[in-house]
Amino acid sequence: MTNSTRTMNDTQLRVKAIALLKKELGMATTLRFLALMNQNSTDYVEISREIYEEQQLDEIFTRAKQNWKS
């Protein structure tokens, strides 16, 4: 995580996240994703369980450290 990422306000974070989604997924899929996120109540604990299922904590931290930028 960069210093600029840490100091972003909520609006800047939303704008950056949507821009990254658009770049990766395209506009139509980004809009679909945003609609899905707004129509359902989201159980972030369950999502995290599914994402990290069968992964060891050391693996998760190693990957996270590789993606952190100084």
C-alpha atoms as a PDB file:
ATOM      1  CA  MET A   1       0.000   0.000   0.000  1.00  0.00           C
ATOM      2  CA  THR A   2       1.442   3.371  -0.947  1.00  0.00           C
ATOM      3  CA  ASN A   3       1.355   6.530   1.152  1.00  0.00           C
ATOM      4  CA  SER A   4      -1.068   8.084  -1.334  1.00  0.00           C
ATOM      5  CA  THR A   5      -3.390   5.103  -0.920  1.00  0.00           C
ATOM      6  CA  ARG A   6      -3.349   5.488   2.847  1.00  0.00           C
ATOM      7  CA  THR A   7      -4.250   9.173   2.683  1.00  0.00           C
ATOM      8  CA  MET A   8      -7.124   8.889   0.201  1.00  0.00           C
ATOM      9  CA  ASN A   9     -10.464  10.121   1.431  1.00  0.00           C
ATOM     10  CA  ASP A  10     -13.591   8.031   0.861  1.00  0.00           C
ATOM     11  CA  THR A  11     -14.539   9.785  -2.385  1.00  0.00           C
ATOM     12  CA  GLN A  12     -11.065   9.358  -3.844  1.00  0.00           C
ATOM     13  CA  LEU A  13     -11.111   5.692  -2.868  1.00  0.00           C
ATOM     14  CA  ARG A  14     -14.458   5.131  -4.595  1.00  0.00           C
ATOM     15  CA  VAL A  15     -13.315   6.899  -7.771  1.00  0.00           C
ATOM     16  CA  LYS A  16     -10.050   4.939  -7.911  1.00  0.00           C
ATOM     17  CA  ALA A  17     -11.785   1.611  -7.229  1.00  0.00           C
ATOM     18  CA  ILE A  18     -14.395   2.192  -9.936  1.00  0.00           C
ATOM     19  CA  ALA A  19     -11.683   3.231 -12.404  1.00  0.00           C
ATOM     20  CA  LEU A  20      -9.748   0.042 -11.668  1.00  0.00           C
ATOM     21  CA  LEU A  21     -12.874  -2.082 -12.053  1.00  0.00           C
ATOM     22  CA  LYS A  22     -13.661  -0.371 -15.352  1.00  0.00           C
ATOM     23  CA  LYS A  23     -10.114  -0.927 -16.614  1.00  0.00           C
ATOM     24  CA  GLU A  24     -10.135  -4.608 -15.616  1.00  0.00           C
ATOM     25  CA  LEU A  25     -13.736  -5.575 -16.361  1.00  0.00           C
ATOM     26  CA  GLY A  26     -15.012  -2.996 -18.827  1.00  0.00           C
ATOM     27  CA  MET A  27     -17.832  -0.525 -18.264  1.00  0.00           C
ATOM     28  CA  ALA A  28     -20.791  -2.887 -18.686  1.00  0.00           C
ATOM     29  CA  THR A  29     -19.449  -5.489 -16.247  1.00  0.00           C
ATOM     30  CA  THR A  30     -18.434  -2.803 -13.751  1.00  0.00           C
ATOM     31  CA  LEU A  31     -21.946  -1.382 -13.789  1.00  0.00           C
ATOM     32  CA  ARG A  32     -23.370  -4.875 -13.395  1.00  0.00           C
ATOM     33  CA  PHE A  33     -21.078  -5.497 -10.416  1.00  0.00           C
ATOM     34  CA  LEU A  34     -22.052  -2.212  -8.774  1.00  0.00           C
ATOM     35  CA  ALA A  35     -25.735  -2.999  -9.274  1.00  0.00           C
ATOM     36  CA  LEU A  36     -25.250  -6.416  -7.695  1.00  0.00           C
ATOM     37  CA  MET A  37     -23.461  -4.891  -4.717  1.00  0.00           C
ATOM     38  CA  ASN A  38     -26.309  -2.448  -4.162  1.00  0.00           C
ATOM     39  CA  GLN A  39     -29.243  -4.840  -4.559  1.00  0.00           C
ATOM     40  CA  ASN A  40     -28.214  -7.457  -2.020  1.00  0.00           C
ATOM     41  CA  SER A  41     -27.136  -7.127   1.543  1.00  0.00           C
ATOM     42  CA  THR A  42     -23.552  -8.291   1.527  1.00  0.00           C
ATOM     43  CA  ASP A  43     -22.149 -10.711   4.045  1.00  0.00           C
ATOM     44  CA  TYR A  44     -18.485  -9.735   3.897  1.00  0.00           C
ATOM     45  CA  VAL A  45     -17.564 -12.379   6.464  1.00  0.00           C
ATOM     46  CA  GLU A  46     -18.990 -15.105   4.219  1.00  0.00           C
ATOM     47  CA  ILE A  47     -17.271 -13.615   1.161  1.00  0.00           C
ATOM     48  CA  SER A  48     -13.950 -13.607   3.035  1.00  0.00           C
ATOM     49  CA  ARG A  49     -14.443 -17.204   4.098  1.00  0.00           C
ATOM     50  CA  GLU A  50     -15.010 -18.226   0.494  1.00  0.00           C
ATOM     51  CA  ILE A  51     -12.049 -16.223  -0.812  1.00  0.00           C
ATOM     52  CA  TYR A  52      -9.596 -17.541   1.759  1.00  0.00           C
ATOM     53  CA  GLU A  53     -10.995 -21.052   2.157  1.00  0.00           C
ATOM     54  CA  GLU A  54      -8.265 -23.697   2.343  1.00  0.00           C
ATOM     55  CA  GLN A  55      -5.506 -21.068   2.498  1.00  0.00           C
ATOM     56  CA  GLN A  56      -3.038 -20.835   5.317  1.00  0.00           C
ATOM     57  CA  LEU A  57      -2.566 -17.503   7.071  1.00  0.00           C
ATOM     58  CA  ASP A  58       1.133 -17.473   6.109  1.00  0.00           C
ATOM     59  CA  GLU A  59       0.177 -17.764   2.417  1.00  0.00           C
ATOM     60  CA  ILE A  60      -2.251 -14.864   2.679  1.00  0.00           C
ATOM     61  CA  PHE A  61       0.309 -12.617   4.403  1.00  0.00           C
ATOM     62  CA  THR A  62       3.053 -13.561   1.931  1.00  0.00           C
ATOM     63  CA  ARG A  63       0.811 -12.623  -1.019  1.00  0.00           C
ATOM     64  CA  ALA A  64      -0.256  -9.410   0.692  1.00  0.00           C
ATOM     65  CA  LYS A  65       3.368  -8.395   1.330  1.00  0.00           C
ATOM     66  CA  GLN A  66       4.226  -9.050  -2.329  1.00  0.00           C
ATOM     67  CA  ASN A  67       1.482  -6.640  -3.390  1.00  0.00           C
ATOM     68  CA  TRP A  68       2.340  -3.869  -0.918  1.00  0.00           C
ATOM     69  CA  LYS A  69       4.292  -1.038  -2.449  1.00  0.00           C
ATOM     70  CA  SER A  70       6.764   0.914  -0.358  1.00  0.00           C
END
